Amino acid sequence: MGVAQAGQVGVQQTTFDVAQARPLETVIWYPASSRGSKTVPTEILGDNPVFKGIPVLNDAPIAAGQHPVALLSHGYRGNWRNLNWLAGRLAARGWIVAAVNHPGTTTFNTQPSQAAQWWARPQDISHLLDHLMQQFAGHIDPDQISAIGHSLGGWTVLQLAGAQFDRAHFLNDCQAIHQANPCGLGAELGLTTAQPQAPESHDLHDARIKRVVSLDLGMARSFSPESLSQIHTPVLILAAGIDINELPQTMESGYLAEHITSRYQQYRVIPGATHFSFVQVCKPGAKARLNQEIPGDGIICLDGDDVDRKALHDQMFRDIFQFLETPASAQ
């Protein structure tokens, strides 16, 4: 292990619970204090035989001052590691970044009863923000709080901006324009039938969140067009230019762009990117390894022909960072 240098990224991992009912495994990345971190050894976070991790300082002291915040939501059966690359880049530039594993729809918990609690995902992110406000009191800029989600995570964070799930609209849309992936997951995610524990109101908007970034989301067509048209939170919509997972950008991200008022949204399609180009960089041989373990899983490491995922991440980060750093009043 090396020794920490100024400007490196600190990290904390914890689990917190709300009402003893839904433990949330949490990872927080943040700018490490150059003064207090000089003797803290570096570690590689999120590294495994398939994916590349990033260097961090475990439990290092946080840099002084107030910092902007980004809250991350992973995709269906993904986990916090998926956007580790993005979290590290933001934290190195002064951001506090936090992610949870959503119970029921994470790699480590696929319990059907929790997966069907569709409303709990956006609530997880709001609870995460509550937790951060307590843990990092005095270090958070309340006017610079954003939420970023990939795939089902994009669907999650859009609800925090005001998008509302509409079951009748979803069912009618699935009959008229059947998309195997979103429509096929509807029952598992509790979208096809009423859930007894669901809140009466489907409005899960969190006014503390000032910007939202959607990374090639799925399930967009379960939102009512009316609720999308009422969003007044700036939204950046990034879509994959190559469809490999029955989530065509015209039907998903394009649906958001069609209904969110142009004043409040930016829509960009990234040529050469697939749905999984938004997750961490794969190691050499990872595709074959994944296919050997579960045939077909190698698709996670698939990008466009002659395209490097790190180069795609560079482009994505430029778009995301510019959007997040632009004052909301100018968007």
C-alpha atoms as a PDB file:
ATOM      1  CA  MET A   1       0.000   0.000   0.000  1.00  0.00           C
ATOM      2  CA  GLY A   2       1.127   3.543  -0.761  1.00  0.00           C
ATOM      3  CA  VAL A   3       0.854   6.643   1.378  1.00  0.00           C
ATOM      4  CA  ALA A   4      -1.912   9.184   0.936  1.00  0.00           C
ATOM      5  CA  GLN A   5      -1.206  12.402  -0.944  1.00  0.00           C
ATOM      6  CA  ALA A   6      -3.096  15.704  -0.912  1.00  0.00           C
ATOM      7  CA  GLY A   7      -6.274  15.690  -2.956  1.00  0.00           C
ATOM      8  CA  GLN A   8      -7.016  11.999  -2.555  1.00  0.00           C
ATOM      9  CA  VAL A   9     -10.415  10.491  -1.867  1.00  0.00           C
ATOM     10  CA  GLY A  10     -11.606   9.421   1.548  1.00  0.00           C
ATOM     11  CA  VAL A  11     -14.213   6.704   2.020  1.00  0.00           C
ATOM     12  CA  GLN A  12     -16.467   5.417   4.768  1.00  0.00           C
ATOM     13  CA  GLN A  13     -18.625   2.306   4.708  1.00  0.00           C
ATOM     14  CA  THR A  14     -21.517   1.820   7.090  1.00  0.00           C
ATOM     15  CA  THR A  15     -25.033   0.418   7.426  1.00  0.00           C
ATOM     16  CA  PHE A  16     -27.895   2.460   8.798  1.00  0.00           C
ATOM     17  CA  ASP A  17     -31.527   1.546   9.292  1.00  0.00           C
ATOM     18  CA  VAL A  18     -34.785   3.464   9.203  1.00  0.00           C
ATOM     19  CA  ALA A  19     -37.421   2.205  11.646  1.00  0.00           C
ATOM     20  CA  GLN A  20     -35.564  -1.131  12.001  1.00  0.00           C
ATOM     21  CA  ALA A  21     -37.086  -2.299   8.722  1.00  0.00           C
ATOM     22  CA  ARG A  22     -34.722  -1.661   5.822  1.00  0.00           C
ATOM     23  CA  PRO A  23     -30.969  -1.723   6.561  1.00  0.00           C
ATOM     24  CA  LEU A  24     -29.108   0.299   3.931  1.00  0.00           C
ATOM     25  CA  GLU A  25     -25.527  -0.678   3.184  1.00  0.00           C
ATOM     26  CA  THR A  26     -23.858   2.635   2.428  1.00  0.00           C
ATOM     27  CA  VAL A  27     -20.595   3.872   0.950  1.00  0.00           C
ATOM     28  CA  ILE A  28     -19.540   7.524   1.168  1.00  0.00           C
ATOM     29  CA  TRP A  29     -16.714   9.040  -0.880  1.00  0.00           C
ATOM     30  CA  TYR A  30     -15.446  12.519   0.006  1.00  0.00           C
ATOM     31  CA  PRO A  31     -12.461  14.871  -0.407  1.00  0.00           C
ATOM     32  CA  ALA A  32      -9.843  13.849   2.141  1.00  0.00           C
ATOM     33  CA  SER A  33      -8.081  16.468   4.206  1.00  0.00           C
ATOM     34  CA  SER A  34      -4.516  16.913   2.983  1.00  0.00           C
ATOM     35  CA  ARG A  35      -3.403  17.745   6.519  1.00  0.00           C
ATOM     36  CA  GLY A  36      -4.914  14.802   8.348  1.00  0.00           C
ATOM     37  CA  SER A  37      -4.517  12.098   5.685  1.00  0.00           C
ATOM     38  CA  LYS A  38      -0.767  12.105   5.023  1.00  0.00           C
ATOM     39  CA  THR A  39      -0.135   8.925   7.027  1.00  0.00           C
ATOM     40  CA  VAL A  40      -3.295   7.061   5.990  1.00  0.00           C
ATOM     41  CA  PRO A  41      -2.430   4.176   3.624  1.00  0.00           C
ATOM     42  CA  THR A  42      -4.230   3.956   0.303  1.00  0.00           C
ATOM     43  CA  GLU A  43      -6.542   1.048  -0.507  1.00  0.00           C
ATOM     44  CA  ILE A  44      -8.266  -0.041  -3.711  1.00  0.00           C
ATOM     45  CA  LEU A  45     -12.040   0.206  -3.340  1.00  0.00           C
ATOM     46  CA  GLY A  46     -14.439  -1.878  -5.420  1.00  0.00           C
ATOM     47  CA  ASP A  47     -11.749  -4.002  -7.045  1.00  0.00           C
ATOM     48  CA  ASN A  48     -12.460  -7.659  -7.868  1.00  0.00           C
ATOM     49  CA  PRO A  49     -11.464 -10.211 -10.532  1.00  0.00           C
ATOM     50  CA  VAL A  50     -13.864  -8.567 -13.017  1.00  0.00           C
ATOM     51  CA  PHE A  51     -13.900  -4.826 -12.325  1.00  0.00           C
ATOM     52  CA  LYS A  52     -11.231  -2.222 -11.652  1.00  0.00           C
ATOM     53  CA  GLY A  53     -11.394  -0.368  -8.353  1.00  0.00           C
ATOM     54  CA  ILE A  54     -10.173   3.101  -7.392  1.00  0.00           C
ATOM     55  CA  PRO A  55      -7.573   4.259  -4.818  1.00  0.00           C
ATOM     56  CA  VAL A  56      -9.091   5.653  -1.617  1.00  0.00           C
ATOM     57  CA  LEU A  57      -8.206   6.479   1.984  1.00  0.00           C
ATOM     58  CA  ASN A  58     -10.316   4.455   4.385  1.00  0.00           C
ATOM     59  CA  ASP A  59     -11.859   6.605   7.152  1.00  0.00           C
ATOM     60  CA  ALA A  60      -9.598   9.569   6.370  1.00  0.00           C
ATOM     61  CA  PRO A  61     -10.675  12.956   7.782  1.00  0.00           C
ATOM     62  CA  ILE A  62     -12.782  15.071   5.462  1.00  0.00           C
ATOM     63  CA  ALA A  63     -11.465  18.299   3.968  1.00  0.00           C
ATOM     64  CA  ALA A  64     -12.598  21.483   5.698  1.00  0.00           C
ATOM     65  CA  GLY A  65     -15.495  23.569   4.434  1.00  0.00           C
ATOM     66  CA  GLN A  66     -18.861  22.910   2.809  1.00  0.00           C
ATOM     67  CA  HIS A  67     -19.041  20.556  -0.142  1.00  0.00           C
ATOM     68  CA  PRO A  68     -21.610  19.758  -2.846  1.00  0.00           C
ATOM     69  CA  VAL A  69     -23.322  16.370  -2.569  1.00  0.00           C
ATOM     70  CA  ALA A  70     -24.188  13.673  -5.119  1.00  0.00           C
ATOM     71  CA  LEU A  71     -26.450  10.751  -4.198  1.00  0.00           C
ATOM     72  CA  LEU A  72     -26.096   7.603  -6.339  1.00  0.00           C
ATOM     73  CA  SER A  73     -28.673   4.923  -7.184  1.00  0.00           C
ATOM     74  CA  HIS A  74     -27.590   1.668  -8.831  1.00  0.00           C
ATOM     75  CA  GLY A  75     -29.457  -0.305 -11.483  1.00  0.00           C
ATOM     76  CA  TYR A  76     -31.583  -3.446 -11.232  1.00  0.00           C
ATOM     77  CA  ARG A  77     -29.647  -6.081  -9.277  1.00  0.00           C
ATOM     78  CA  GLY A  78     -26.576  -3.845  -9.311  1.00  0.00           C
ATOM     79  CA  ASN A  79     -24.756  -2.359  -6.336  1.00  0.00           C
ATOM     80  CA  TRP A  80     -22.809   0.676  -5.143  1.00  0.00           C
ATOM     81  CA  ARG A  81     -19.655  -0.512  -6.936  1.00  0.00           C
ATOM     82  CA  ASN A  82     -21.232   0.142 -10.339  1.00  0.00           C
ATOM     83  CA  LEU A  83     -20.694   3.920 -10.139  1.00  0.00           C
ATOM     84  CA  ASN A  84     -17.538   3.753  -8.034  1.00  0.00           C
ATOM     85  CA  TRP A  85     -15.596   5.277 -10.959  1.00  0.00           C
ATOM     86  CA  LEU A  86     -17.884   8.316 -11.053  1.00  0.00           C
ATOM     87  CA  ALA A  87     -17.963   8.731  -7.281  1.00  0.00           C
ATOM     88  CA  GLY A  88     -14.177   8.797  -7.103  1.00  0.00           C
ATOM     89  CA  ARG A  89     -13.858  11.461  -9.792  1.00  0.00           C
ATOM     90  CA  LEU A  90     -16.435  13.685  -8.120  1.00  0.00           C
ATOM     91  CA  ALA A  91     -14.928  13.274  -4.651  1.00  0.00           C
ATOM     92  CA  ALA A  92     -11.472  14.148  -5.995  1.00  0.00           C
ATOM     93  CA  ARG A  93     -12.996  17.452  -7.137  1.00  0.00           C
ATOM     94  CA  GLY A  94     -14.483  18.308  -3.777  1.00  0.00           C
ATOM     95  CA  TRP A  95     -17.819  16.460  -3.729  1.00  0.00           C
ATOM     96  CA  ILE A  96     -19.329  14.277  -1.020  1.00  0.00           C
ATOM     97  CA  VAL A  97     -20.806  11.275  -2.832  1.00  0.00           C
ATOM     98  CA  ALA A  98     -22.947   8.553  -1.259  1.00  0.00           C
ATOM     99  CA  ALA A  99     -24.607   5.369  -2.483  1.00  0.00           C
ATOM    100  CA  VAL A 100     -26.733   2.618  -0.960  1.00  0.00           C
ATOM    101  CA  ASN A 101     -27.518  -0.949  -1.955  1.00  0.00           C
ATOM    102  CA  HIS A 102     -31.290  -0.957  -2.492  1.00  0.00           C
ATOM    103  CA  PRO A 103     -32.767  -4.001  -0.680  1.00  0.00           C
ATOM    104  CA  GLY A 104     -34.596  -6.365  -3.033  1.00  0.00           C
ATOM    105  CA  THR A 105     -32.978  -5.066  -6.209  1.00  0.00           C
ATOM    106  CA  THR A 106     -29.276  -5.312  -5.389  1.00  0.00           C
ATOM    107  CA  THR A 107     -26.690  -7.988  -6.179  1.00  0.00           C
ATOM    108  CA  PHE A 108     -26.656  -8.972  -2.531  1.00  0.00           C
ATOM    109  CA  ASN A 109     -30.399  -8.992  -1.797  1.00  0.00           C
ATOM    110  CA  THR A 110     -33.056 -10.059  -4.298  1.00  0.00           C
ATOM    111  CA  GLN A 111     -35.833 -10.753  -1.798  1.00  0.00           C
ATOM    112  CA  PRO A 112     -39.110 -10.544  -3.788  1.00  0.00           C
ATOM    113  CA  SER A 113     -41.115  -8.806  -1.058  1.00  0.00           C
ATOM    114  CA  GLN A 114     -38.586  -5.985  -0.944  1.00  0.00           C
ATOM    115  CA  ALA A 115     -38.140  -5.818  -4.709  1.00  0.00           C
ATOM    116  CA  ALA A 116     -41.890  -5.159  -5.038  1.00  0.00           C
ATOM    117  CA  GLN A 117     -41.660  -2.054  -2.838  1.00  0.00           C
ATOM    118  CA  TRP A 118     -41.103   0.243  -5.821  1.00  0.00           C
ATOM    119  CA  TRP A 119     -41.600   3.404  -3.708  1.00  0.00           C
ATOM    120  CA  ALA A 120     -38.834   2.386  -1.270  1.00  0.00           C
ATOM    121  CA  ARG A 121     -36.016   3.049  -3.753  1.00  0.00           C
ATOM    122  CA  PRO A 122     -36.509   6.836  -3.937  1.00  0.00           C
ATOM    123  CA  GLN A 123     -37.205   6.853  -0.195  1.00  0.00           C
ATOM    124  CA  ASP A 124     -33.837   5.134   0.325  1.00  0.00           C
ATOM    125  CA  ILE A 125     -32.128   8.096  -1.338  1.00  0.00           C
ATOM    126  CA  SER A 126     -34.037  10.611   0.770  1.00  0.00           C
ATOM    127  CA  HIS A 127     -33.109   8.653   3.906  1.00  0.00           C
ATOM    128  CA  LEU A 128     -29.504   8.594   2.703  1.00  0.00           C
ATOM    129  CA  LEU A 129     -29.554  12.371   2.477  1.00  0.00           C
ATOM    130  CA  ASP A 130     -30.991  12.574   6.009  1.00  0.00           C
ATOM    131  CA  HIS A 131     -28.115  10.382   7.182  1.00  0.00           C
ATOM    132  CA  LEU A 132     -25.497  12.519   5.439  1.00  0.00           C
ATOM    133  CA  MET A 133     -26.907  15.739   6.856  1.00  0.00           C
ATOM    134  CA  GLN A 134     -26.351  14.319  10.341  1.00  0.00           C
ATOM    135  CA  GLN A 135     -23.024  12.573   9.793  1.00  0.00           C
ATOM    136  CA  PHE A 136     -21.430  15.441   7.864  1.00  0.00           C
ATOM    137  CA  ALA A 137     -23.151  18.358   9.582  1.00  0.00           C
ATOM    138  CA  GLY A 138     -21.392  21.565   8.665  1.00  0.00           C
ATOM    139  CA  HIS A 139     -19.717  20.032   5.600  1.00  0.00           C
ATOM    140  CA  ILE A 140     -22.713  19.980   3.218  1.00  0.00           C
ATOM    141  CA  ASP A 141     -23.760  22.810   0.927  1.00  0.00           C
ATOM    142  CA  PRO A 142     -27.589  22.534   1.011  1.00  0.00           C
ATOM    143  CA  ASP A 143     -27.885  24.406  -2.286  1.00  0.00           C
ATOM    144  CA  GLN A 144     -25.671  21.907  -4.138  1.00  0.00           C
ATOM    145  CA  ILE A 145     -27.372  18.518  -3.717  1.00  0.00           C
ATOM    146  CA  SER A 146     -27.829  16.265  -6.748  1.00  0.00           C
ATOM    147  CA  ALA A 147     -28.981  12.697  -7.436  1.00  0.00           C
ATOM    148  CA  ILE A 148     -27.568  10.421 -10.141  1.00  0.00           C
ATOM    149  CA  GLY A 149     -28.936   7.039 -11.168  1.00  0.00           C
ATOM    150  CA  HIS A 150     -28.157   4.351 -13.728  1.00  0.00           C
ATOM    151  CA  SER A 151     -30.832   2.150 -15.326  1.00  0.00           C
ATOM    152  CA  LEU A 152     -33.441   1.478 -12.611  1.00  0.00           C
ATOM    153  CA  GLY A 153     -31.463   4.002 -10.589  1.00  0.00           C
ATOM    154  CA  GLY A 154     -32.348   6.630 -13.183  1.00  0.00           C
ATOM    155  CA  TRP A 155     -36.001   5.714 -12.711  1.00  0.00           C
ATOM    156  CA  THR A 156     -35.433   6.080  -8.967  1.00  0.00           C
ATOM    157  CA  VAL A 157     -33.897   9.552  -9.006  1.00  0.00           C
ATOM    158  CA  LEU A 158     -36.460  10.901 -11.508  1.00  0.00           C
ATOM    159  CA  GLN A 159     -39.105  10.336  -8.830  1.00  0.00           C
ATOM    160  CA  LEU A 160     -37.104  12.578  -6.514  1.00  0.00           C
ATOM    161  CA  ALA A 161     -37.439  15.293  -9.160  1.00  0.00           C
ATOM    162  CA  GLY A 162     -41.219  14.852  -9.345  1.00  0.00           C
ATOM    163  CA  ALA A 163     -41.879  12.044 -11.839  1.00  0.00           C
ATOM    164  CA  GLN A 164     -44.757   9.874 -10.642  1.00  0.00           C
ATOM    165  CA  PHE A 165     -45.459   6.211 -11.287  1.00  0.00           C
ATOM    166  CA  ASP A 166     -48.832   5.623 -12.955  1.00  0.00           C
ATOM    167  CA  ARG A 167     -49.916   1.960 -12.996  1.00  0.00           C
ATOM    168  CA  ALA A 168     -52.744   2.381 -15.503  1.00  0.00           C
ATOM    169  CA  HIS A 169     -50.457   4.232 -17.894  1.00  0.00           C
ATOM    170  CA  PHE A 170     -47.763   1.555 -17.508  1.00  0.00           C
ATOM    171  CA  LEU A 171     -50.163  -1.339 -18.171  1.00  0.00           C
ATOM    172  CA  ASN A 172     -51.754   0.367 -21.157  1.00  0.00           C
ATOM    173  CA  ASP A 173     -48.354   1.202 -22.587  1.00  0.00           C
ATOM    174  CA  CYS A 174     -47.150  -2.389 -22.185  1.00  0.00           C
ATOM    175  CA  GLN A 175     -50.187  -3.597 -24.129  1.00  0.00           C
ATOM    176  CA  ALA A 176     -49.709  -1.069 -26.895  1.00  0.00           C
ATOM    177  CA  ILE A 177     -45.904  -1.086 -27.174  1.00  0.00           C
ATOM    178  CA  HIS A 178     -44.537  -4.196 -25.545  1.00  0.00           C
ATOM    179  CA  GLN A 179     -40.955  -3.797 -24.345  1.00  0.00           C
ATOM    180  CA  ALA A 180     -39.836  -7.162 -23.029  1.00  0.00           C
ATOM    181  CA  ASN A 181     -37.380  -5.831 -20.477  1.00  0.00           C
ATOM    182  CA  PRO A 182     -39.410  -3.114 -18.703  1.00  0.00           C
ATOM    183  CA  CYS A 183     -42.769  -4.836 -19.046  1.00  0.00           C
ATOM    184  CA  GLY A 184     -41.370  -8.206 -18.046  1.00  0.00           C
ATOM    185  CA  LEU A 185     -39.983  -6.763 -14.821  1.00  0.00           C
ATOM    186  CA  GLY A 186     -43.215  -5.018 -13.894  1.00  0.00           C
ATOM    187  CA  ALA A 187     -44.584  -7.777 -11.673  1.00  0.00           C
ATOM    188  CA  GLU A 188     -41.278  -8.309  -9.851  1.00  0.00           C
ATOM    189  CA  LEU A 189     -41.005  -4.594  -9.129  1.00  0.00           C
ATOM    190  CA  GLY A 190     -44.577  -4.325  -7.825  1.00  0.00           C
ATOM    191  CA  LEU A 191     -45.785  -2.231 -10.757  1.00  0.00           C
ATOM    192  CA  THR A 192     -48.521  -4.440 -12.214  1.00  0.00           C
ATOM    193  CA  THR A 193     -50.738  -4.819  -9.133  1.00  0.00           C
ATOM    194  CA  ALA A 194     -51.510  -2.603  -6.153  1.00  0.00           C
ATOM    195  CA  GLN A 195     -49.126  -3.102  -3.225  1.00  0.00           C
ATOM    196  CA  PRO A 196     -50.782  -2.955   0.225  1.00  0.00           C
ATOM    197  CA  GLN A 197     -47.883  -1.056   1.823  1.00  0.00           C
ATOM    198  CA  ALA A 198     -47.530   1.528  -0.941  1.00  0.00           C
ATOM    199  CA  PRO A 199     -48.064   5.175   0.026  1.00  0.00           C
ATOM    200  CA  GLU A 200     -51.366   6.645  -1.097  1.00  0.00           C
ATOM    201  CA  SER A 201     -49.572   9.442  -2.913  1.00  0.00           C
ATOM    202  CA  HIS A 202     -47.073   8.566  -5.622  1.00  0.00           C
ATOM    203  CA  ASP A 203     -45.415  11.963  -5.238  1.00  0.00           C
ATOM    204  CA  LEU A 204     -41.936  11.194  -3.844  1.00  0.00           C
ATOM    205  CA  HIS A 205     -40.394  14.504  -4.812  1.00  0.00           C
ATOM    206  CA  ASP A 206     -37.570  15.671  -2.518  1.00  0.00           C
ATOM    207  CA  ALA A 207     -37.176  19.447  -2.824  1.00  0.00           C
ATOM    208  CA  ARG A 208     -33.698  19.328  -1.260  1.00  0.00           C
ATOM    209  CA  ILE A 209     -32.370  17.758  -4.463  1.00  0.00           C
ATOM    210  CA  LYS A 210     -31.538  20.528  -6.919  1.00  0.00           C
ATOM    211  CA  ARG A 211     -30.395  18.498  -9.963  1.00  0.00           C
ATOM    212  CA  VAL A 212     -30.916  14.988 -11.290  1.00  0.00           C
ATOM    213  CA  VAL A 213     -28.853  12.925 -13.747  1.00  0.00           C
ATOM    214  CA  SER A 214     -30.366   9.899 -15.504  1.00  0.00           C
ATOM    215  CA  LEU A 215     -27.906   7.421 -17.029  1.00  0.00           C
ATOM    216  CA  ASP A 216     -29.670   5.268 -19.657  1.00  0.00           C
ATOM    217  CA  LEU A 217     -32.671   4.646 -17.438  1.00  0.00           C
ATOM    218  CA  GLY A 218     -35.264   1.917 -17.785  1.00  0.00           C
ATOM    219  CA  MET A 219     -38.985   1.892 -16.864  1.00  0.00           C
ATOM    220  CA  ALA A 220     -39.402   5.512 -17.996  1.00  0.00           C
ATOM    221  CA  ARG A 221     -42.748   4.783 -19.630  1.00  0.00           C
ATOM    222  CA  SER A 222     -44.254   3.931 -16.240  1.00  0.00           C
ATOM    223  CA  PHE A 223     -44.223   7.669 -15.456  1.00  0.00           C
ATOM    224  CA  SER A 224     -47.281   9.720 -16.312  1.00  0.00           C
ATOM    225  CA  PRO A 225     -46.606  12.338 -18.991  1.00  0.00           C
ATOM    226  CA  GLU A 226     -48.413  14.873 -16.805  1.00  0.00           C
ATOM    227  CA  SER A 227     -45.988  14.426 -13.903  1.00  0.00           C
ATOM    228  CA  LEU A 228     -42.975  14.677 -16.214  1.00  0.00           C
ATOM    229  CA  SER A 229     -44.303  17.908 -17.678  1.00  0.00           C
ATOM    230  CA  GLN A 230     -44.465  19.393 -14.161  1.00  0.00           C
ATOM    231  CA  ILE A 231     -40.793  18.737 -13.311  1.00  0.00           C
ATOM    232  CA  HIS A 232     -38.994  21.971 -12.499  1.00  0.00           C
ATOM    233  CA  THR A 233     -35.744  20.389 -11.306  1.00  0.00           C
ATOM    234  CA  PRO A 234     -32.952  20.497 -13.930  1.00  0.00           C
ATOM    235  CA  VAL A 235     -32.419  17.024 -15.406  1.00  0.00           C
ATOM    236  CA  LEU A 236     -29.504  15.719 -17.478  1.00  0.00           C
ATOM    237  CA  ILE A 237     -30.502  12.703 -19.563  1.00  0.00           C
ATOM    238  CA  LEU A 238     -27.607  10.613 -20.911  1.00  0.00           C
ATOM    239  CA  ALA A 239     -28.506   7.684 -23.156  1.00  0.00           C
ATOM    240  CA  ALA A 240     -26.542   4.831 -24.693  1.00  0.00           C
ATOM    241  CA  GLY A 241     -26.279   5.020 -28.459  1.00  0.00           C
ATOM    242  CA  ILE A 242     -26.163   1.210 -28.826  1.00  0.00           C
ATOM    243  CA  ASP A 243     -29.148  -0.854 -27.664  1.00  0.00           C
ATOM    244  CA  ILE A 244     -28.095  -4.245 -26.315  1.00  0.00           C
ATOM    245  CA  ASN A 245     -30.626  -4.764 -23.552  1.00  0.00           C
ATOM    246  CA  GLU A 246     -34.057  -3.959 -25.005  1.00  0.00           C
ATOM    247  CA  LEU A 247     -33.854  -0.432 -23.593  1.00  0.00           C
ATOM    248  CA  PRO A 248     -33.800   1.667 -26.776  1.00  0.00           C
ATOM    249  CA  GLN A 249     -32.961   5.253 -25.979  1.00  0.00           C
ATOM    250  CA  THR A 250     -35.826   6.561 -28.115  1.00  0.00           C
ATOM    251  CA  MET A 251     -38.337   4.622 -25.993  1.00  0.00           C
ATOM    252  CA  GLU A 252     -36.765   5.262 -22.596  1.00  0.00           C
ATOM    253  CA  SER A 253     -34.531   8.336 -22.276  1.00  0.00           C
ATOM    254  CA  GLY A 254     -36.286   9.805 -25.302  1.00  0.00           C
ATOM    255  CA  TYR A 255     -39.619   9.479 -23.499  1.00  0.00           C
ATOM    256  CA  LEU A 256     -38.273  11.714 -20.730  1.00  0.00           C
ATOM    257  CA  ALA A 257     -36.995  14.251 -23.233  1.00  0.00           C
ATOM    258  CA  GLU A 258     -40.360  14.256 -24.974  1.00  0.00           C
ATOM    259  CA  HIS A 259     -42.340  15.126 -21.854  1.00  0.00           C
ATOM    260  CA  ILE A 260     -40.023  17.122 -19.569  1.00  0.00           C
ATOM    261  CA  THR A 261     -40.148  20.804 -20.488  1.00  0.00           C
ATOM    262  CA  SER A 262     -37.108  21.710 -22.585  1.00  0.00           C
ATOM    263  CA  ARG A 263     -36.174  24.477 -20.154  1.00  0.00           C
ATOM    264  CA  TYR A 264     -35.513  21.896 -17.451  1.00  0.00           C
ATOM    265  CA  GLN A 265     -33.758  19.115 -19.343  1.00  0.00           C
ATOM    266  CA  GLN A 266     -30.693  18.344 -21.436  1.00  0.00           C
ATOM    267  CA  TYR A 267     -30.696  15.190 -23.551  1.00  0.00           C
ATOM    268  CA  ARG A 268     -27.575  13.617 -24.993  1.00  0.00           C
ATOM    269  CA  VAL A 269     -26.984  10.287 -26.722  1.00  0.00           C
ATOM    270  CA  ILE A 270     -23.467   8.885 -26.359  1.00  0.00           C
ATOM    271  CA  PRO A 271     -22.345   7.070 -29.537  1.00  0.00           C
ATOM    272  CA  GLY A 272     -20.395   3.896 -28.850  1.00  0.00           C
ATOM    273  CA  ALA A 273     -21.902   3.446 -25.394  1.00  0.00           C
ATOM    274  CA  THR A 274     -24.063   0.488 -24.420  1.00  0.00           C
ATOM    275  CA  HIS A 275     -26.297   0.215 -21.386  1.00  0.00           C
ATOM    276  CA  PHE A 276     -23.442  -1.185 -19.307  1.00  0.00           C
ATOM    277  CA  SER A 277     -20.832   1.313 -20.476  1.00  0.00           C
ATOM    278  CA  PHE A 278     -21.990   3.459 -17.553  1.00  0.00           C
ATOM    279  CA  VAL A 279     -20.662   0.986 -14.950  1.00  0.00           C
ATOM    280  CA  GLN A 280     -17.069   0.437 -13.883  1.00  0.00           C
ATOM    281  CA  VAL A 281     -14.248  -0.570 -16.229  1.00  0.00           C
ATOM    282  CA  CYS A 282     -13.832  -4.296 -16.836  1.00  0.00           C
ATOM    283  CA  LYS A 283     -10.449  -5.998 -16.484  1.00  0.00           C
ATOM    284  CA  PRO A 284      -8.870  -7.941 -19.379  1.00  0.00           C
ATOM    285  CA  GLY A 285     -10.560 -11.317 -19.697  1.00  0.00           C
ATOM    286  CA  ALA A 286     -13.537 -10.243 -17.612  1.00  0.00           C
ATOM    287  CA  LYS A 287     -16.094 -10.868 -20.366  1.00  0.00           C
ATOM    288  CA  ALA A 288     -15.021 -14.494 -20.768  1.00  0.00           C
ATOM    289  CA  ARG A 289     -14.923 -14.973 -17.008  1.00  0.00           C
ATOM    290  CA  LEU A 290     -18.484 -13.668 -16.603  1.00  0.00           C
ATOM    291  CA  ASN A 291     -19.787 -15.825 -19.447  1.00  0.00           C
ATOM    292  CA  GLN A 292     -18.172 -18.860 -17.872  1.00  0.00           C
ATOM    293  CA  GLU A 293     -19.846 -18.210 -14.546  1.00  0.00           C
ATOM    294  CA  ILE A 294     -23.273 -17.300 -15.987  1.00  0.00           C
ATOM    295  CA  PRO A 295     -23.703 -17.586 -19.777  1.00  0.00           C
ATOM    296  CA  GLY A 296     -24.659 -14.196 -21.218  1.00  0.00           C
ATOM    297  CA  ASP A 297     -23.361 -12.106 -18.321  1.00  0.00           C
ATOM    298  CA  GLY A 298     -20.362 -11.044 -20.383  1.00  0.00           C
ATOM    299  CA  ILE A 299     -22.665  -8.422 -21.917  1.00  0.00           C
ATOM    300  CA  ILE A 300     -21.809  -6.302 -18.871  1.00  0.00           C
ATOM    301  CA  CYS A 301     -18.339  -5.727 -20.337  1.00  0.00           C
ATOM    302  CA  LEU A 302     -19.579  -5.030 -23.874  1.00  0.00           C
ATOM    303  CA  ASP A 303     -19.048  -1.584 -25.408  1.00  0.00           C
ATOM    304  CA  GLY A 304     -19.228  -0.426 -28.997  1.00  0.00           C
ATOM    305  CA  ASP A 305     -16.672  -1.684 -31.534  1.00  0.00           C
ATOM    306  CA  ASP A 306     -13.235  -0.102 -31.107  1.00  0.00           C
ATOM    307  CA  VAL A 307     -14.452   1.941 -28.119  1.00  0.00           C
ATOM    308  CA  ASP A 308     -12.598   2.129 -24.817  1.00  0.00           C
ATOM    309  CA  ARG A 309     -14.831   2.287 -21.734  1.00  0.00           C
ATOM    310  CA  LYS A 310     -12.474   4.623 -19.928  1.00  0.00           C
ATOM    311  CA  ALA A 311     -12.706   7.058 -22.860  1.00  0.00           C
ATOM    312  CA  LEU A 312     -16.498   6.813 -22.650  1.00  0.00           C
ATOM    313  CA  HIS A 313     -16.282   7.550 -18.925  1.00  0.00           C
ATOM    314  CA  ASP A 314     -14.172  10.610 -19.678  1.00  0.00           C
ATOM    315  CA  GLN A 315     -16.903  11.928 -21.979  1.00  0.00           C
ATOM    316  CA  MET A 316     -19.685  11.056 -19.539  1.00  0.00           C
ATOM    317  CA  PHE A 317     -17.866  12.743 -16.695  1.00  0.00           C
ATOM    318  CA  ARG A 318     -17.334  15.936 -18.663  1.00  0.00           C
ATOM    319  CA  ASP A 319     -21.063  16.116 -19.400  1.00  0.00           C
ATOM    320  CA  ILE A 320     -22.094  15.271 -15.841  1.00  0.00           C
ATOM    321  CA  PHE A 321     -19.598  17.569 -14.116  1.00  0.00           C
ATOM    322  CA  GLN A 322     -20.426  20.525 -16.333  1.00  0.00           C
ATOM    323  CA  PHE A 323     -24.135  20.006 -15.627  1.00  0.00           C
ATOM    324  CA  LEU A 324     -23.637  19.658 -11.862  1.00  0.00           C
ATOM    325  CA  GLU A 325     -21.352  22.671 -11.632  1.00  0.00           C
ATOM    326  CA  THR A 326     -23.649  24.978 -13.608  1.00  0.00           C
ATOM    327  CA  PRO A 327     -25.821  27.095 -11.286  1.00  0.00           C
ATOM    328  CA  ALA A 328     -29.399  25.825 -11.306  1.00  0.00           C
ATOM    329  CA  SER A 329     -30.613  29.330 -12.182  1.00  0.00           C
ATOM    330  CA  ALA A 330     -28.601  29.153 -15.438  1.00  0.00           C
ATOM    331  CA  GLN A 331     -29.964  25.756 -16.530  1.00  0.00           C
END
